[in-house]
């Protein structure tokens, strides 16, 4: 008897240096049975230091994560493609592989925060916590439900 295929999820943002990386890390923690990757429509060179810092506060190590280009995945199939910002939603490439469901869940860009280092970190924490809540809900209501219906 063979193992069922893992559900594949692609999470997309513009730079793939913050929001999409947080969402990937959270979803991997919530649902290790899924095949999850994040990418950007205009990937940065590296992860935001603030992203690494605020995720480490939750014991999630991100130093080995790096931005990836969404166009490298345009020929692949996914059960879900989830965009996290309007720019990524508009710039999403046309996928030649099968995409079962596209979902958009928008979050503010904490990289745009101004002020002291602590004020900026607080913005990252707020977005981090919003992403965790949203992806926990998304998993429970859409992804897990779809996974069950596909295995029947």
N, C-alpha and C. Protein backbone atom coordinates (compact mmCIF):
# COMPACT_ATOMS: atom_id res chain seq x y z
N UNK A 1 0.85 -1.19 0.00
CA UNK A 1 0.00 0.00 0.00
C UNK A 1 0.89 1.24 0.00
N UNK A 2 0.60 2.17 -0.87
CA UNK A 2 1.45 3.37 -0.96
C UNK A 2 0.87 4.51 -0.11
N UNK A 3 1.78 5.39 0.30
CA UNK A 3 1.38 6.55 1.10
C UNK A 3 0.64 7.54 0.21
N UNK A 4 -0.40 8.20 0.75
CA UNK A 4 -1.08 9.23 -0.04
C UNK A 4 -0.13 10.41 -0.30
N UNK A 5 -0.33 11.05 -1.44
CA UNK A 5 0.49 12.22 -1.79
C UNK A 5 0.26 13.34 -0.78
N UNK A 6 1.34 14.01 -0.44
CA UNK A 6 1.22 15.18 0.44
C UNK A 6 0.54 16.30 -0.32
N UNK A 7 -0.32 17.04 0.35
CA UNK A 7 -0.92 18.23 -0.25
C UNK A 7 0.17 19.28 -0.40
N UNK A 8 0.21 19.92 -1.57
CA UNK A 8 1.25 20.92 -1.87
C UNK A 8 0.67 22.32 -1.79
N UNK A 9 1.38 23.18 -1.05
CA UNK A 9 0.93 24.56 -0.84
C UNK A 9 2.07 25.51 -1.16
N UNK A 10 1.75 26.54 -1.94
CA UNK A 10 2.69 27.60 -2.27
C UNK A 10 2.17 28.90 -1.68
N UNK A 11 2.99 29.56 -0.87
CA UNK A 11 2.62 30.82 -0.23
C UNK A 11 3.46 31.93 -0.89
N UNK A 12 2.78 32.97 -1.39
CA UNK A 12 3.47 33.98 -2.20
C UNK A 12 3.28 35.38 -1.65
N UNK A 13 4.39 36.12 -1.61
CA UNK A 13 4.38 37.54 -1.27
C UNK A 13 5.34 38.21 -2.25
N UNK A 14 5.57 39.48 -2.10
CA UNK A 14 6.44 40.16 -3.04
C UNK A 14 7.90 39.75 -2.86
N UNK A 15 8.47 40.06 -1.70
CA UNK A 15 9.91 39.85 -1.49
C UNK A 15 10.30 38.50 -0.93
N UNK A 16 9.34 37.75 -0.37
CA UNK A 16 9.60 36.46 0.26
C UNK A 16 10.69 36.57 1.33
N UNK A 17 10.66 37.70 2.04
CA UNK A 17 11.66 37.92 3.09
C UNK A 17 11.02 38.10 4.46
N UNK A 18 9.68 38.06 4.52
CA UNK A 18 9.01 38.29 5.80
C UNK A 18 7.71 37.50 5.90
N UNK A 19 6.60 38.08 5.41
CA UNK A 19 5.26 37.51 5.62
C UNK A 19 5.12 36.09 5.11
N UNK A 20 5.52 35.84 3.89
CA UNK A 20 5.36 34.49 3.33
C UNK A 20 6.27 33.48 4.03
N UNK A 21 7.43 33.93 4.47
CA UNK A 21 8.33 33.05 5.22
C UNK A 21 7.75 32.70 6.59
N UNK A 22 7.13 33.71 7.25
CA UNK A 22 6.47 33.44 8.53
C UNK A 22 5.34 32.43 8.34
N UNK A 23 4.52 32.67 7.31
CA UNK A 23 3.38 31.78 7.04
C UNK A 23 3.86 30.36 6.75
N UNK A 24 4.92 30.23 5.97
CA UNK A 24 5.49 28.90 5.67
C UNK A 24 5.91 28.20 6.96
N UNK A 25 6.64 28.91 7.81
CA UNK A 25 7.13 28.32 9.06
C UNK A 25 5.97 27.91 9.97
N UNK A 26 4.97 28.76 10.09
CA UNK A 26 3.82 28.43 10.94
C UNK A 26 3.06 27.23 10.39
N UNK A 27 2.80 27.22 9.10
CA UNK A 27 2.03 26.12 8.52
C UNK A 27 2.79 24.81 8.62
N UNK A 28 4.10 24.84 8.49
CA UNK A 28 4.91 23.63 8.67
C UNK A 28 4.80 23.12 10.10
N UNK A 29 4.71 24.04 11.04
CA UNK A 29 4.58 23.65 12.45
C UNK A 29 3.18 23.12 12.74
N UNK A 30 2.16 23.76 12.19
CA UNK A 30 0.76 23.36 12.40
C UNK A 30 0.47 22.04 11.70
N UNK A 31 1.00 21.87 10.49
CA UNK A 31 0.64 20.73 9.65
C UNK A 31 1.87 20.13 8.96
N UNK A 32 2.70 19.40 9.71
CA UNK A 32 3.91 18.84 9.11
C UNK A 32 3.63 17.83 8.00
N UNK A 33 2.39 17.39 7.89
CA UNK A 33 2.04 16.43 6.83
C UNK A 33 1.92 17.08 5.45
N UNK A 34 1.97 18.41 5.38
CA UNK A 34 1.84 19.12 4.12
C UNK A 34 3.21 19.42 3.50
N UNK A 35 3.23 19.60 2.20
CA UNK A 35 4.43 20.03 1.48
C UNK A 35 4.27 21.52 1.21
N UNK A 36 5.02 22.35 1.93
CA UNK A 36 4.81 23.79 1.91
C UNK A 36 6.08 24.51 1.48
N UNK A 37 5.90 25.49 0.60
CA UNK A 37 7.02 26.32 0.18
C UNK A 37 6.51 27.76 0.04
N UNK A 38 7.40 28.71 0.23
CA UNK A 38 7.04 30.10 -0.01
C UNK A 38 7.98 30.67 -1.06
N UNK A 39 7.48 31.69 -1.75
CA UNK A 39 8.28 32.32 -2.81
C UNK A 39 7.81 33.76 -3.00
N UNK A 40 8.58 34.53 -3.75
CA UNK A 40 8.24 35.93 -3.98
C UNK A 40 8.18 36.27 -5.46
N UNK A 41 7.35 37.26 -5.77
CA UNK A 41 7.26 37.73 -7.15
C UNK A 41 8.48 38.58 -7.50
N UNK A 42 9.09 39.20 -6.50
CA UNK A 42 10.33 39.97 -6.65
C UNK A 42 11.20 39.67 -5.43
N UNK A 43 11.78 38.47 -5.36
CA UNK A 43 12.47 38.04 -4.15
C UNK A 43 13.65 38.92 -3.74
N UNK A 44 13.72 39.16 -2.45
CA UNK A 44 14.85 39.89 -1.87
C UNK A 44 16.08 38.99 -1.86
N UNK A 45 17.21 39.52 -1.44
CA UNK A 45 18.44 38.73 -1.36
C UNK A 45 18.49 37.85 -0.12
N UNK A 46 17.82 38.29 0.95
CA UNK A 46 17.87 37.52 2.20
C UNK A 46 16.62 37.83 3.03
N UNK A 47 16.43 37.04 4.08
CA UNK A 47 15.33 37.28 4.99
C UNK A 47 15.59 38.55 5.80
N UNK A 48 14.52 39.20 6.17
CA UNK A 48 14.61 40.36 7.04
C UNK A 48 15.14 39.92 8.41
N UNK A 49 16.08 40.67 8.94
CA UNK A 49 16.62 40.36 10.28
C UNK A 49 15.52 40.41 11.34
N UNK A 50 14.59 41.33 11.16
CA UNK A 50 13.49 41.46 12.12
C UNK A 50 12.58 40.23 12.08
N UNK A 51 12.39 39.66 10.90
CA UNK A 51 11.61 38.42 10.78
C UNK A 51 12.28 37.31 11.57
N UNK A 52 13.58 37.15 11.36
CA UNK A 52 14.33 36.13 12.08
C UNK A 52 14.21 36.33 13.59
N UNK A 53 14.32 37.59 14.02
CA UNK A 53 14.29 37.91 15.44
C UNK A 53 12.93 37.61 16.08
N UNK A 54 11.84 38.05 15.45
CA UNK A 54 10.53 37.86 16.08
C UNK A 54 10.06 36.40 16.00
N UNK A 55 10.51 35.66 15.01
CA UNK A 55 10.16 34.24 14.95
C UNK A 55 10.96 33.45 15.99
N UNK A 56 12.19 33.87 16.23
CA UNK A 56 13.02 33.21 17.25
C UNK A 56 12.38 33.35 18.64
N UNK A 57 11.64 34.46 18.85
CA UNK A 57 10.93 34.65 20.12
C UNK A 57 9.92 33.52 20.37
N UNK A 58 9.47 32.86 19.31
CA UNK A 58 8.53 31.75 19.41
C UNK A 58 9.23 30.41 19.20
N UNK A 59 10.56 30.41 19.32
CA UNK A 59 11.39 29.21 19.14
C UNK A 59 11.28 28.62 17.74
N UNK A 60 11.12 29.49 16.75
CA UNK A 60 11.13 29.06 15.35
C UNK A 60 12.38 29.64 14.71
N UNK A 61 13.29 28.76 14.34
CA UNK A 61 14.56 29.16 13.77
C UNK A 61 14.41 29.38 12.27
N UNK A 62 14.80 30.57 11.81
CA UNK A 62 14.62 30.94 10.40
C UNK A 62 15.94 31.23 9.68
N UNK A 63 17.08 31.06 10.35
CA UNK A 63 18.34 31.46 9.75
C UNK A 63 18.68 30.67 8.48
N UNK A 64 18.11 29.47 8.31
CA UNK A 64 18.41 28.69 7.11
C UNK A 64 17.40 28.95 5.99
N UNK A 65 16.40 29.80 6.22
CA UNK A 65 15.41 30.15 5.19
C UNK A 65 16.02 31.19 4.25
N UNK A 66 15.57 31.18 3.02
CA UNK A 66 16.05 32.16 2.05
C UNK A 66 14.94 32.45 1.03
N UNK A 67 14.91 33.65 0.47
CA UNK A 67 13.89 34.00 -0.53
C UNK A 67 14.04 33.17 -1.81
N UNK A 68 12.89 32.78 -2.35
CA UNK A 68 12.85 32.01 -3.60
C UNK A 68 11.95 32.75 -4.60
N UNK A 69 12.15 32.47 -5.87
CA UNK A 69 11.41 33.13 -6.94
C UNK A 69 10.19 32.30 -7.34
N UNK A 70 9.00 32.93 -7.30
CA UNK A 70 7.76 32.22 -7.62
C UNK A 70 7.78 31.67 -9.05
N UNK A 71 8.49 32.33 -9.95
CA UNK A 71 8.53 31.88 -11.34
C UNK A 71 9.21 30.52 -11.48
N UNK A 72 10.03 30.14 -10.51
CA UNK A 72 10.65 28.81 -10.51
C UNK A 72 9.62 27.70 -10.27
N UNK A 73 8.43 28.07 -9.79
CA UNK A 73 7.39 27.10 -9.44
C UNK A 73 6.18 27.17 -10.36
N UNK A 74 6.22 28.03 -11.38
CA UNK A 74 5.05 28.26 -12.24
C UNK A 74 4.65 27.02 -13.04
N UNK A 75 5.55 26.09 -13.23
CA UNK A 75 5.22 24.87 -13.98
C UNK A 75 4.79 23.72 -13.09
N UNK A 76 4.76 23.93 -11.80
CA UNK A 76 4.41 22.87 -10.85
C UNK A 76 2.93 22.93 -10.50
N UNK A 77 2.43 21.84 -9.95
CA UNK A 77 1.03 21.77 -9.51
C UNK A 77 0.96 21.97 -8.00
N UNK A 78 -0.12 22.64 -7.58
CA UNK A 78 -0.34 22.90 -6.15
C UNK A 78 -1.80 22.71 -5.81
N UNK A 79 -2.04 22.24 -4.60
CA UNK A 79 -3.41 22.16 -4.11
C UNK A 79 -3.91 23.55 -3.73
N UNK A 80 -3.00 24.37 -3.18
CA UNK A 80 -3.33 25.74 -2.81
C UNK A 80 -2.19 26.67 -3.19
N UNK A 81 -2.53 27.82 -3.77
CA UNK A 81 -1.59 28.93 -3.93
C UNK A 81 -2.21 30.07 -3.13
N UNK A 82 -1.47 30.53 -2.12
CA UNK A 82 -1.99 31.54 -1.21
C UNK A 82 -1.14 32.80 -1.33
N UNK A 83 -1.78 33.90 -1.71
CA UNK A 83 -1.07 35.19 -1.80
C UNK A 83 -1.33 35.98 -0.52
N UNK A 84 -0.29 36.74 -0.10
CA UNK A 84 -0.37 37.47 1.16
C UNK A 84 -0.34 38.98 1.00
N UNK A 85 -0.22 39.47 -0.23
CA UNK A 85 -0.25 40.91 -0.45
C UNK A 85 -0.84 41.18 -1.83
N UNK A 86 -1.40 42.36 -1.99
CA UNK A 86 -2.05 42.70 -3.26
C UNK A 86 -1.08 42.66 -4.43
N UNK A 87 0.16 43.09 -4.21
CA UNK A 87 1.14 43.08 -5.29
C UNK A 87 1.39 41.65 -5.78
N UNK A 88 1.53 40.72 -4.86
CA UNK A 88 1.75 39.32 -5.26
C UNK A 88 0.53 38.76 -5.98
N UNK A 89 -0.66 39.14 -5.51
CA UNK A 89 -1.89 38.67 -6.15
C UNK A 89 -1.95 39.15 -7.61
N UNK A 90 -1.57 40.41 -7.83
CA UNK A 90 -1.59 40.99 -9.19
C UNK A 90 -0.46 40.44 -10.05
N UNK A 91 0.69 40.15 -9.45
CA UNK A 91 1.88 39.75 -10.20
C UNK A 91 2.06 38.24 -10.31
N UNK A 92 1.15 37.48 -9.80
CA UNK A 92 1.26 36.03 -9.80
C UNK A 92 1.39 35.52 -11.23
N UNK A 93 2.37 34.65 -11.49
CA UNK A 93 2.51 34.15 -12.86
C UNK A 93 1.36 33.21 -13.21
N UNK A 94 1.19 32.97 -14.49
CA UNK A 94 0.21 31.99 -14.94
C UNK A 94 0.86 30.62 -14.73
N UNK A 95 0.19 29.77 -13.96
CA UNK A 95 0.73 28.45 -13.67
C UNK A 95 0.38 27.49 -14.79
N UNK A 96 1.39 26.76 -15.27
CA UNK A 96 1.13 25.75 -16.30
C UNK A 96 0.77 24.43 -15.64
N UNK A 97 1.14 24.28 -14.36
CA UNK A 97 0.72 23.10 -13.59
C UNK A 97 -0.68 23.34 -13.06
N UNK A 98 -1.27 22.29 -12.52
CA UNK A 98 -2.63 22.39 -11.97
C UNK A 98 -2.59 23.11 -10.62
N UNK A 99 -3.50 24.07 -10.45
CA UNK A 99 -3.67 24.75 -9.16
C UNK A 99 -5.14 24.56 -8.79
N UNK A 100 -5.38 23.81 -7.72
CA UNK A 100 -6.75 23.51 -7.32
C UNK A 100 -7.48 24.72 -6.76
N UNK A 101 -6.79 25.51 -5.94
CA UNK A 101 -7.46 26.63 -5.27
C UNK A 101 -6.47 27.76 -5.04
N UNK A 102 -6.88 28.98 -5.40
CA UNK A 102 -6.11 30.18 -5.09
C UNK A 102 -6.84 30.92 -3.99
N UNK A 103 -6.08 31.35 -2.99
CA UNK A 103 -6.64 32.07 -1.85
C UNK A 103 -5.80 33.33 -1.63
N UNK A 104 -6.47 34.43 -1.30
CA UNK A 104 -5.75 35.65 -0.95
C UNK A 104 -6.08 36.02 0.49
N UNK A 105 -5.03 36.19 1.29
CA UNK A 105 -5.17 36.64 2.67
C UNK A 105 -4.14 37.76 2.84
N UNK A 106 -4.60 39.00 2.87
CA UNK A 106 -3.68 40.13 2.90
C UNK A 106 -3.21 40.53 4.29
N UNK A 107 -1.95 40.91 4.36
CA UNK A 107 -1.34 41.41 5.60
C UNK A 107 -0.54 42.66 5.27
N UNK A 108 -0.48 43.60 6.23
CA UNK A 108 0.34 44.79 6.03
C UNK A 108 1.81 44.39 5.99
N UNK A 109 2.62 45.18 5.34
CA UNK A 109 4.05 44.90 5.23
C UNK A 109 4.76 45.54 6.41
N UNK A 110 5.27 44.74 7.36
CA UNK A 110 5.95 45.32 8.52
C UNK A 110 7.25 46.03 8.15
N UNK A 111 7.80 45.74 6.98
CA UNK A 111 9.04 46.40 6.55
C UNK A 111 8.81 47.90 6.32
N UNK A 112 7.55 48.31 6.20
CA UNK A 112 7.24 49.72 6.00
C UNK A 112 7.12 50.49 7.31
N UNK A 113 7.23 49.79 8.44
CA UNK A 113 7.11 50.43 9.76
C UNK A 113 8.22 51.45 9.97
N UNK A 114 7.88 52.52 10.66
CA UNK A 114 8.84 53.59 10.97
C UNK A 114 8.95 53.72 12.48
N UNK A 115 10.00 54.36 12.91
CA UNK A 115 10.16 54.64 14.34
C UNK A 115 11.38 53.95 14.92
N UNK A 116 11.34 53.77 16.22
CA UNK A 116 12.46 53.14 16.92
C UNK A 116 12.53 51.66 16.55
N UNK A 117 13.65 51.04 16.88
CA UNK A 117 13.81 49.61 16.60
C UNK A 117 12.70 48.83 17.29
N UNK A 118 12.38 49.19 18.52
CA UNK A 118 11.35 48.46 19.27
C UNK A 118 9.97 48.66 18.63
N UNK A 119 9.69 49.87 18.17
CA UNK A 119 8.40 50.12 17.50
C UNK A 119 8.29 49.29 16.22
N UNK A 120 9.39 49.20 15.49
CA UNK A 120 9.38 48.40 14.25
C UNK A 120 9.24 46.91 14.57
N UNK A 121 9.93 46.44 15.61
CA UNK A 121 9.80 45.04 16.01
C UNK A 121 8.37 44.73 16.46
N UNK A 122 7.74 45.69 17.12
CA UNK A 122 6.35 45.48 17.53
C UNK A 122 5.43 45.31 16.33
N UNK A 123 5.71 46.04 15.25
CA UNK A 123 4.93 45.87 14.01
C UNK A 123 5.14 44.46 13.44
N UNK A 124 6.38 43.99 13.44
CA UNK A 124 6.66 42.63 12.99
C UNK A 124 5.94 41.60 13.86
N UNK A 125 5.94 41.84 15.18
CA UNK A 125 5.25 40.91 16.09
C UNK A 125 3.76 40.87 15.81
N UNK A 126 3.18 42.04 15.57
CA UNK A 126 1.74 42.10 15.30
C UNK A 126 1.39 41.35 14.02
N UNK A 127 2.17 41.56 12.98
CA UNK A 127 1.94 40.86 11.71
C UNK A 127 2.18 39.36 11.91
N UNK A 128 3.23 39.01 12.61
CA UNK A 128 3.52 37.59 12.91
C UNK A 128 2.32 36.93 13.57
N UNK A 129 1.78 37.58 14.60
CA UNK A 129 0.66 37.01 15.33
C UNK A 129 -0.60 36.93 14.47
N UNK A 130 -0.81 37.93 13.61
CA UNK A 130 -1.95 37.90 12.68
C UNK A 130 -1.81 36.75 11.69
N UNK A 131 -0.61 36.53 11.20
CA UNK A 131 -0.35 35.44 10.26
C UNK A 131 -0.60 34.09 10.94
N UNK A 132 -0.13 33.95 12.17
CA UNK A 132 -0.35 32.70 12.89
C UNK A 132 -1.84 32.41 13.04
N UNK A 133 -2.60 33.40 13.48
CA UNK A 133 -4.06 33.22 13.64
C UNK A 133 -4.73 32.89 12.31
N UNK A 134 -4.39 33.63 11.27
CA UNK A 134 -5.01 33.43 9.97
C UNK A 134 -4.69 32.06 9.38
N UNK A 135 -3.45 31.63 9.51
CA UNK A 135 -3.07 30.34 8.93
C UNK A 135 -3.56 29.16 9.76
N UNK A 136 -3.70 29.34 11.06
CA UNK A 136 -4.33 28.30 11.87
C UNK A 136 -5.77 28.13 11.43
N UNK A 137 -6.48 29.25 11.26
CA UNK A 137 -7.87 29.22 10.81
C UNK A 137 -7.98 28.64 9.39
N UNK A 138 -7.11 29.08 8.50
CA UNK A 138 -7.12 28.61 7.12
C UNK A 138 -6.89 27.09 7.07
N UNK A 139 -5.97 26.61 7.87
CA UNK A 139 -5.71 25.17 7.91
C UNK A 139 -6.95 24.42 8.39
N UNK A 140 -7.52 24.89 9.48
CA UNK A 140 -8.69 24.21 10.06
C UNK A 140 -9.91 24.24 9.15
N UNK A 141 -10.13 25.35 8.46
CA UNK A 141 -11.38 25.51 7.70
C UNK A 141 -11.27 25.15 6.22
N UNK A 142 -10.11 25.28 5.62
CA UNK A 142 -9.99 25.05 4.17
C UNK A 142 -9.03 23.91 3.83
N UNK A 143 -7.82 23.96 4.36
CA UNK A 143 -6.80 23.01 3.94
C UNK A 143 -7.07 21.61 4.51
N UNK A 144 -7.30 21.52 5.81
CA UNK A 144 -7.56 20.22 6.43
C UNK A 144 -8.85 19.62 5.89
N UNK A 145 -9.86 20.45 5.73
CA UNK A 145 -11.14 19.97 5.20
C UNK A 145 -10.97 19.43 3.79
N UNK A 146 -10.19 20.12 2.97
CA UNK A 146 -9.95 19.66 1.59
C UNK A 146 -9.14 18.37 1.62
N UNK A 147 -8.18 18.29 2.50
CA UNK A 147 -7.35 17.08 2.58
C UNK A 147 -8.20 15.86 2.91
N UNK A 148 -9.15 16.02 3.83
CA UNK A 148 -10.02 14.91 4.20
C UNK A 148 -10.90 14.50 3.02
N UNK A 149 -11.45 15.47 2.29
CA UNK A 149 -12.36 15.15 1.20
C UNK A 149 -11.60 14.48 0.05
N UNK A 150 -10.32 14.76 -0.11
CA UNK A 150 -9.55 14.16 -1.20
C UNK A 150 -9.14 12.72 -0.88
N UNK A 151 -9.14 12.36 0.40
CA UNK A 151 -8.70 11.01 0.77
C UNK A 151 -9.85 10.03 0.85
N UNK A 152 -11.08 10.49 0.72
CA UNK A 152 -12.24 9.58 0.80
C UNK A 152 -12.42 8.83 -0.48
